[in-house]
N, C-alpha and C. Protein backbone atom coordinates (compact mmCIF):
# COMPACT_ATOMS: atom_id res chain seq x y z
N UNK A 1 11.19 17.25 -5.54
CA UNK A 1 9.97 18.01 -5.31
C UNK A 1 8.78 17.07 -5.41
N UNK A 2 7.81 17.31 -4.56
CA UNK A 2 6.62 16.46 -4.49
C UNK A 2 5.41 17.27 -4.94
N UNK A 3 4.73 16.77 -5.97
CA UNK A 3 3.54 17.43 -6.48
C UNK A 3 2.46 16.40 -6.74
N UNK A 4 1.21 16.82 -6.69
CA UNK A 4 0.10 15.95 -7.03
C UNK A 4 -0.69 15.51 -5.82
N UNK A 5 -1.85 14.93 -6.11
CA UNK A 5 -2.76 14.43 -5.09
C UNK A 5 -3.09 12.99 -5.44
N UNK A 6 -2.96 12.09 -4.46
CA UNK A 6 -3.10 10.67 -4.72
C UNK A 6 -3.97 10.02 -3.64
N UNK A 7 -5.04 9.37 -4.08
CA UNK A 7 -5.92 8.65 -3.16
C UNK A 7 -5.35 7.26 -2.90
N UNK A 8 -5.30 6.90 -1.63
CA UNK A 8 -4.80 5.59 -1.22
C UNK A 8 -5.68 5.08 -0.07
N UNK A 9 -5.32 3.92 0.43
CA UNK A 9 -6.00 3.36 1.59
C UNK A 9 -4.96 3.11 2.67
N UNK A 10 -5.42 3.01 3.89
CA UNK A 10 -4.56 2.64 5.00
C UNK A 10 -5.15 1.37 5.60
N UNK A 11 -4.32 0.39 5.87
CA UNK A 11 -4.84 -0.88 6.37
C UNK A 11 -4.98 -0.86 7.89
N UNK A 12 -5.49 -1.94 8.43
CA UNK A 12 -5.76 -2.03 9.87
C UNK A 12 -4.49 -1.92 10.70
N UNK A 13 -3.35 -2.27 10.13
CA UNK A 13 -2.08 -2.17 10.83
C UNK A 13 -1.49 -0.76 10.76
N UNK A 14 -2.10 0.13 9.98
CA UNK A 14 -1.62 1.50 9.86
C UNK A 14 -0.64 1.70 8.73
N UNK A 15 -0.62 0.78 7.76
CA UNK A 15 0.29 0.92 6.62
C UNK A 15 -0.45 1.52 5.44
N UNK A 16 0.24 2.44 4.76
CA UNK A 16 -0.29 3.03 3.54
C UNK A 16 0.85 3.17 2.53
N UNK A 17 0.51 3.00 1.27
CA UNK A 17 1.52 3.12 0.22
C UNK A 17 1.86 4.58 -0.03
N UNK A 18 3.13 4.83 -0.14
CA UNK A 18 3.58 6.14 -0.58
C UNK A 18 3.41 6.16 -2.10
N UNK A 19 2.83 7.19 -2.67
CA UNK A 19 2.65 7.22 -4.13
C UNK A 19 3.96 6.96 -4.87
N UNK A 20 3.86 6.25 -5.98
CA UNK A 20 5.06 5.89 -6.76
C UNK A 20 5.88 7.12 -7.13
N UNK A 21 5.23 8.21 -7.51
CA UNK A 21 5.97 9.43 -7.87
C UNK A 21 6.78 9.96 -6.69
N UNK A 22 6.22 9.86 -5.49
CA UNK A 22 6.94 10.33 -4.31
C UNK A 22 8.11 9.39 -4.01
N UNK A 23 7.90 8.08 -4.15
CA UNK A 23 8.99 7.12 -3.94
C UNK A 23 10.12 7.37 -4.93
N UNK A 24 9.76 7.64 -6.18
CA UNK A 24 10.77 7.91 -7.20
C UNK A 24 11.56 9.19 -6.87
N UNK A 25 10.87 10.22 -6.42
CA UNK A 25 11.54 11.47 -6.05
C UNK A 25 12.49 11.25 -4.88
N UNK A 26 12.07 10.47 -3.89
CA UNK A 26 12.93 10.18 -2.75
C UNK A 26 14.16 9.39 -3.20
N UNK A 27 13.94 8.37 -4.02
CA UNK A 27 15.05 7.53 -4.49
C UNK A 27 16.02 8.37 -5.32
N UNK A 28 15.49 9.24 -6.18
CA UNK A 28 16.34 10.08 -7.01
C UNK A 28 17.20 11.03 -6.21
N UNK A 29 16.70 11.42 -5.04
CA UNK A 29 17.45 12.33 -4.17
C UNK A 29 18.31 11.58 -3.16
N UNK A 30 18.28 10.24 -3.22
CA UNK A 30 19.06 9.45 -2.27
C UNK A 30 18.52 9.52 -0.86
N UNK A 31 17.20 9.64 -0.74
CA UNK A 31 16.55 9.77 0.57
C UNK A 31 15.93 8.41 0.95
N UNK A 32 16.56 7.65 1.84
CA UNK A 32 16.04 6.33 2.18
C UNK A 32 14.91 6.31 3.21
N UNK A 33 14.74 7.39 3.95
CA UNK A 33 13.74 7.42 5.02
C UNK A 33 12.94 8.72 4.95
N UNK A 34 11.79 8.70 5.62
CA UNK A 34 11.02 9.92 5.79
C UNK A 34 10.71 10.09 7.27
N UNK A 35 10.36 11.29 7.62
CA UNK A 35 9.96 11.60 8.99
C UNK A 35 8.51 12.04 8.94
N UNK A 36 7.68 11.40 9.77
CA UNK A 36 6.27 11.75 9.88
C UNK A 36 6.07 12.53 11.16
N UNK A 37 5.28 13.61 11.07
CA UNK A 37 5.00 14.41 12.26
C UNK A 37 3.64 15.08 12.13
N UNK A 38 3.10 15.56 13.23
CA UNK A 38 1.83 16.27 13.20
C UNK A 38 1.96 17.51 12.33
N UNK A 39 0.94 17.74 11.50
CA UNK A 39 0.88 19.00 10.77
C UNK A 39 0.20 19.99 11.70
N UNK A 40 0.79 21.16 11.94
CA UNK A 40 0.28 22.05 12.99
C UNK A 40 -1.03 22.78 12.68
N UNK A 41 -1.45 22.84 11.43
CA UNK A 41 -2.57 23.72 11.09
C UNK A 41 -3.93 23.03 11.04
N UNK A 42 -3.98 21.74 10.88
CA UNK A 42 -5.21 20.97 10.97
C UNK A 42 -4.86 19.50 11.07
N UNK A 43 -5.83 18.65 11.32
CA UNK A 43 -5.52 17.23 11.51
C UNK A 43 -4.97 16.60 10.23
N UNK A 44 -3.68 16.48 10.17
CA UNK A 44 -2.99 15.87 9.03
C UNK A 44 -1.59 15.50 9.50
N UNK A 45 -0.90 14.74 8.66
CA UNK A 45 0.47 14.34 8.95
C UNK A 45 1.36 14.97 7.89
N UNK A 46 2.44 15.53 8.34
CA UNK A 46 3.43 16.07 7.42
C UNK A 46 4.55 15.04 7.30
N UNK A 47 4.94 14.74 6.07
CA UNK A 47 6.01 13.78 5.81
C UNK A 47 7.17 14.53 5.17
N UNK A 48 8.34 14.43 5.78
CA UNK A 48 9.51 15.16 5.32
C UNK A 48 10.61 14.18 4.93
N UNK A 49 11.28 14.45 3.82
CA UNK A 49 12.49 13.68 3.53
C UNK A 49 13.51 13.91 4.65
N UNK A 50 14.40 12.97 4.83
CA UNK A 50 15.40 13.06 5.90
C UNK A 50 16.19 14.36 5.82
N UNK A 51 16.54 14.83 4.63
CA UNK A 51 17.33 16.06 4.50
C UNK A 51 16.55 17.28 4.98
N UNK A 52 15.26 17.34 4.71
CA UNK A 52 14.44 18.46 5.17
C UNK A 52 14.30 18.40 6.69
N UNK A 53 14.14 17.19 7.22
CA UNK A 53 14.08 16.99 8.68
C UNK A 53 15.38 17.50 9.31
N UNK A 54 16.52 17.18 8.72
CA UNK A 54 17.81 17.62 9.26
C UNK A 54 17.90 19.14 9.29
N UNK A 55 17.39 19.81 8.26
CA UNK A 55 17.38 21.28 8.23
C UNK A 55 16.52 21.82 9.38
N UNK A 56 15.37 21.19 9.61
CA UNK A 56 14.47 21.62 10.69
C UNK A 56 15.16 21.46 12.05
N UNK A 57 15.79 20.32 12.26
CA UNK A 57 16.49 20.07 13.52
C UNK A 57 17.59 21.11 13.73
N UNK A 58 18.30 21.46 12.67
CA UNK A 58 19.35 22.47 12.78
C UNK A 58 18.76 23.81 13.22
N UNK A 59 17.63 24.20 12.64
CA UNK A 59 16.98 25.46 13.03
C UNK A 59 16.55 25.41 14.49
N UNK A 60 16.05 24.27 14.92
CA UNK A 60 15.62 24.12 16.32
C UNK A 60 16.82 24.29 17.25
N UNK A 61 17.93 23.67 16.88
CA UNK A 61 19.11 23.73 17.73
C UNK A 61 19.70 25.14 17.79
N UNK A 62 19.48 25.93 16.75
CA UNK A 62 20.01 27.30 16.71
C UNK A 62 19.07 28.32 17.35
N UNK A 63 17.86 27.91 17.67
CA UNK A 63 16.87 28.84 18.23
C UNK A 63 17.26 29.25 19.64
N UNK A 64 16.79 30.41 20.00
CA UNK A 64 17.05 30.93 21.33
C UNK A 64 16.34 30.08 22.37
N UNK A 65 17.06 29.65 23.41
CA UNK A 65 16.40 28.88 24.47
C UNK A 65 15.46 29.73 25.32
N UNK A 66 15.48 31.05 25.11
CA UNK A 66 14.64 31.94 25.90
C UNK A 66 13.31 32.25 25.22
N UNK A 67 13.11 31.79 24.01
CA UNK A 67 11.88 32.06 23.27
C UNK A 67 10.85 30.98 23.61
N UNK A 68 10.00 31.27 24.59
CA UNK A 68 9.04 30.28 25.09
C UNK A 68 8.04 29.85 24.02
N UNK A 69 7.63 30.78 23.17
CA UNK A 69 6.67 30.44 22.11
C UNK A 69 7.29 29.42 21.16
N UNK A 70 8.53 29.66 20.76
CA UNK A 70 9.23 28.74 19.87
C UNK A 70 9.38 27.38 20.53
N UNK A 71 9.76 27.36 21.81
CA UNK A 71 9.95 26.10 22.52
C UNK A 71 8.65 25.30 22.58
N UNK A 72 7.54 25.99 22.82
CA UNK A 72 6.24 25.33 22.89
C UNK A 72 5.88 24.70 21.55
N UNK A 73 6.12 25.44 20.47
CA UNK A 73 5.86 24.90 19.13
C UNK A 73 6.75 23.70 18.84
N UNK A 74 8.01 23.81 19.20
CA UNK A 74 8.94 22.70 18.98
C UNK A 74 8.47 21.47 19.74
N UNK A 75 8.16 21.65 21.00
CA UNK A 75 7.72 20.52 21.82
C UNK A 75 6.47 19.88 21.25
N UNK A 76 5.53 20.68 20.83
CA UNK A 76 4.26 20.15 20.35
C UNK A 76 4.40 19.36 19.05
N UNK A 77 5.16 19.86 18.12
CA UNK A 77 5.18 19.25 16.79
C UNK A 77 6.41 18.40 16.52
N UNK A 78 7.58 18.86 16.89
CA UNK A 78 8.77 18.07 16.63
C UNK A 78 8.79 16.82 17.52
N UNK A 79 8.23 16.92 18.71
CA UNK A 79 8.19 15.74 19.59
C UNK A 79 7.25 14.66 19.05
N UNK A 80 6.42 15.02 18.09
CA UNK A 80 5.53 14.02 17.49
C UNK A 80 6.20 13.25 16.35
N UNK A 81 7.45 13.60 16.03
CA UNK A 81 8.12 13.04 14.85
C UNK A 81 8.49 11.58 15.03
N UNK A 82 8.35 10.84 13.93
CA UNK A 82 8.74 9.43 13.86
C UNK A 82 9.48 9.21 12.55
N UNK A 83 10.71 8.70 12.64
CA UNK A 83 11.44 8.33 11.43
C UNK A 83 10.92 6.96 10.98
N UNK A 84 10.60 6.85 9.70
CA UNK A 84 10.07 5.59 9.19
C UNK A 84 10.77 5.22 7.89
N UNK A 85 10.84 3.93 7.66
CA UNK A 85 11.38 3.39 6.42
C UNK A 85 10.22 2.92 5.56
N UNK A 86 10.44 2.89 4.27
CA UNK A 86 9.48 2.29 3.36
C UNK A 86 9.77 0.79 3.34
N UNK A 87 8.72 -0.03 3.34
CA UNK A 87 8.94 -1.47 3.24
C UNK A 87 9.17 -1.83 1.77
N UNK A 88 9.36 -3.09 1.48
CA UNK A 88 9.68 -3.52 0.11
C UNK A 88 8.54 -3.24 -0.86
N UNK A 89 7.33 -3.00 -0.34
CA UNK A 89 6.17 -2.70 -1.17
C UNK A 89 5.90 -1.21 -1.29
N UNK A 90 6.80 -0.37 -0.74
CA UNK A 90 6.63 1.08 -0.82
C UNK A 90 5.64 1.63 0.18
N UNK A 91 5.39 0.87 1.25
CA UNK A 91 4.45 1.32 2.28
C UNK A 91 5.19 1.91 3.47
N UNK A 92 4.51 2.80 4.16
CA UNK A 92 5.01 3.33 5.43
C UNK A 92 4.02 2.94 6.51
N UNK A 93 4.56 2.70 7.68
CA UNK A 93 3.73 2.41 8.85
C UNK A 93 3.53 3.71 9.60
N UNK A 94 2.28 4.16 9.67
CA UNK A 94 1.96 5.40 10.38
C UNK A 94 1.70 5.04 11.84
N UNK A 95 2.51 5.56 12.77
CA UNK A 95 2.36 5.22 14.18
C UNK A 95 0.97 5.61 14.71
N UNK A 96 0.44 4.82 15.66
CA UNK A 96 -0.91 5.09 16.20
C UNK A 96 -1.16 6.52 16.67
N UNK A 97 -0.22 7.17 17.38
CA UNK A 97 -0.51 8.56 17.80
C UNK A 97 -0.74 9.50 16.63
N UNK A 98 0.00 9.31 15.54
CA UNK A 98 -0.19 10.17 14.37
C UNK A 98 -1.49 9.82 13.65
N UNK A 99 -1.83 8.54 13.58
CA UNK A 99 -3.11 8.15 12.97
C UNK A 99 -4.26 8.79 13.73
N UNK A 100 -4.15 8.81 15.07
CA UNK A 100 -5.20 9.43 15.89
C UNK A 100 -5.25 10.93 15.66
N UNK A 101 -4.08 11.60 15.61
CA UNK A 101 -4.02 13.05 15.40
C UNK A 101 -4.71 13.44 14.10
N UNK A 102 -4.42 12.70 13.03
CA UNK A 102 -4.96 13.03 11.72
C UNK A 102 -6.33 12.40 11.48
N UNK A 103 -6.81 11.66 12.46
CA UNK A 103 -8.13 10.99 12.36
C UNK A 103 -8.23 10.15 11.08
N UNK A 104 -7.17 9.39 10.81
CA UNK A 104 -7.13 8.61 9.58
C UNK A 104 -8.11 7.44 9.64
N UNK A 105 -8.92 7.33 8.61
CA UNK A 105 -9.78 6.16 8.45
C UNK A 105 -9.23 5.38 7.26
N UNK A 106 -10.01 4.55 6.67
CA UNK A 106 -9.52 3.69 5.59
C UNK A 106 -9.04 4.48 4.37
N UNK A 107 -9.76 5.49 3.96
CA UNK A 107 -9.40 6.26 2.76
C UNK A 107 -8.57 7.47 3.15
N UNK A 108 -7.38 7.56 2.53
CA UNK A 108 -6.46 8.65 2.83
C UNK A 108 -6.02 9.30 1.52
N UNK A 109 -5.44 10.49 1.65
CA UNK A 109 -4.97 11.24 0.50
C UNK A 109 -3.55 11.73 0.79
N UNK A 110 -2.64 11.43 -0.14
CA UNK A 110 -1.29 11.98 -0.10
C UNK A 110 -1.27 13.22 -0.99
N UNK A 111 -0.69 14.30 -0.49
CA UNK A 111 -0.62 15.55 -1.25
C UNK A 111 0.83 16.02 -1.28
N UNK A 112 1.34 16.27 -2.49
CA UNK A 112 2.68 16.82 -2.63
C UNK A 112 2.66 18.31 -2.36
N UNK A 113 3.60 18.76 -1.53
CA UNK A 113 3.65 20.16 -1.14
C UNK A 113 5.02 20.79 -1.45
N UNK A 114 5.61 20.33 -2.55
CA UNK A 114 6.92 20.86 -2.92
C UNK A 114 8.02 20.07 -2.24
N UNK A 115 8.54 20.59 -1.14
CA UNK A 115 9.63 19.91 -0.40
C UNK A 115 9.13 18.87 0.57
N UNK A 116 7.84 18.88 0.87
CA UNK A 116 7.27 17.93 1.82
C UNK A 116 6.00 17.30 1.24
N UNK A 117 5.44 16.38 2.01
CA UNK A 117 4.20 15.71 1.63
C UNK A 117 3.26 15.79 2.82
N UNK A 118 1.96 15.75 2.55
CA UNK A 118 0.97 15.69 3.62
C UNK A 118 0.11 14.45 3.43
N UNK A 119 -0.32 13.88 4.54
CA UNK A 119 -1.22 12.73 4.53
C UNK A 119 -2.47 13.13 5.31
N UNK A 120 -3.62 13.04 4.64
CA UNK A 120 -4.90 13.43 5.22
C UNK A 120 -5.87 12.25 5.21
N UNK A 121 -6.80 12.27 6.14
CA UNK A 121 -7.99 11.46 5.98
C UNK A 121 -8.75 12.06 4.80
N UNK A 122 -9.31 11.23 3.95
CA UNK A 122 -9.96 11.73 2.73
C UNK A 122 -11.09 12.70 3.06
N UNK A 123 -11.90 12.40 4.05
CA UNK A 123 -13.02 13.29 4.40
C UNK A 123 -12.50 14.66 4.86
N UNK A 124 -11.44 14.67 5.65
CA UNK A 124 -10.85 15.93 6.11
C UNK A 124 -10.30 16.72 4.93
N UNK A 125 -9.61 16.02 4.04
CA UNK A 125 -9.05 16.68 2.86
C UNK A 125 -10.16 17.28 1.99
N UNK A 126 -11.19 16.50 1.73
CA UNK A 126 -12.31 16.98 0.91
C UNK A 126 -12.96 18.21 1.54
N UNK A 127 -13.09 18.19 2.86
CA UNK A 127 -13.67 19.35 3.57
C UNK A 127 -12.78 20.57 3.42
N UNK A 128 -11.47 20.39 3.59
CA UNK A 128 -10.54 21.51 3.45
C UNK A 128 -10.58 22.09 2.04
N UNK A 129 -10.65 21.23 1.04
CA UNK A 129 -10.63 21.69 -0.35
C UNK A 129 -11.95 22.33 -0.77
N UNK A 130 -13.03 21.99 -0.09
CA UNK A 130 -14.33 22.57 -0.46
C UNK A 130 -14.60 23.89 0.25
N UNK A 131 -13.82 24.21 1.30
CA UNK A 131 -14.05 25.47 2.00
C UNK A 131 -13.44 26.61 1.19
N UNK A 132 -14.13 27.71 1.18
CA UNK A 132 -13.71 28.86 0.39
C UNK A 132 -12.60 29.62 1.11
N UNK A 133 -11.61 30.06 0.36
CA UNK A 133 -10.52 30.86 0.90
C UNK A 133 -10.90 32.33 0.74
N UNK A 134 -10.82 33.13 1.81
CA UNK A 134 -11.13 34.55 1.68
C UNK A 134 -10.26 35.20 0.60
N UNK A 135 -10.85 36.08 -0.16
CA UNK A 135 -10.17 36.70 -1.31
C UNK A 135 -8.84 37.34 -0.93
N UNK A 136 -8.75 37.95 0.27
CA UNK A 136 -7.51 38.60 0.66
C UNK A 136 -6.41 37.62 1.04
N UNK A 137 -6.72 36.32 1.11
CA UNK A 137 -5.72 35.31 1.43
C UNK A 137 -5.32 34.46 0.22
N UNK A 138 -5.91 34.72 -0.91
CA UNK A 138 -5.58 33.98 -2.13
C UNK A 138 -4.32 34.56 -2.75
N UNK A 139 -3.37 33.69 -3.03
CA UNK A 139 -2.14 34.11 -3.70
C UNK A 139 -2.32 33.87 -5.18
N UNK A 140 -2.15 34.93 -5.96
CA UNK A 140 -2.29 34.84 -7.41
C UNK A 140 -0.90 34.68 -8.02
N UNK A 141 -0.53 33.44 -8.32
CA UNK A 141 0.79 33.17 -8.86
C UNK A 141 0.95 33.62 -10.31
N UNK A 142 -0.16 33.85 -10.99
CA UNK A 142 -0.10 34.20 -12.40
C UNK A 142 -0.41 35.67 -12.66
N UNK A 143 -0.74 36.41 -11.63
CA UNK A 143 -1.08 37.82 -11.78
C UNK A 143 0.17 38.67 -12.00
N UNK A 144 -0.08 39.92 -12.23
CA UNK A 144 1.02 40.87 -12.44
C UNK A 144 1.68 41.19 -11.10
N UNK A 145 2.94 41.52 -11.18
CA UNK A 145 3.65 42.01 -10.02
C UNK A 145 4.36 40.96 -9.34
């Protein structure tokens, strides 16, 4: 499981360090690679362990070939996927199309999302976190019921 928020930098070659906690979680689960893909809801990159990616691919393969909406979503986001390895320094190389999609500049933020991770440009992340969530969309994990 991936939790926490970590500020990092991305270099001119498109390399950024995966947070040590995330590397440890991947190693503990025997996950040698991650898959980077466009996050569909705003400019960001979703990073999935190989096992989660395999589950997604299985769902795609089982989907009805007649569901045009599903096919369009699959084409748009799954086709953006790139399998990447961590280098000896714990860095990942973010491919140029994904860097452009997420509008990554020098300062980036890794966010743990449970089974997956997200990579944001810091300014985009700060903007998302500062915007107010409508009351009817807030999930109260500690409330009754």
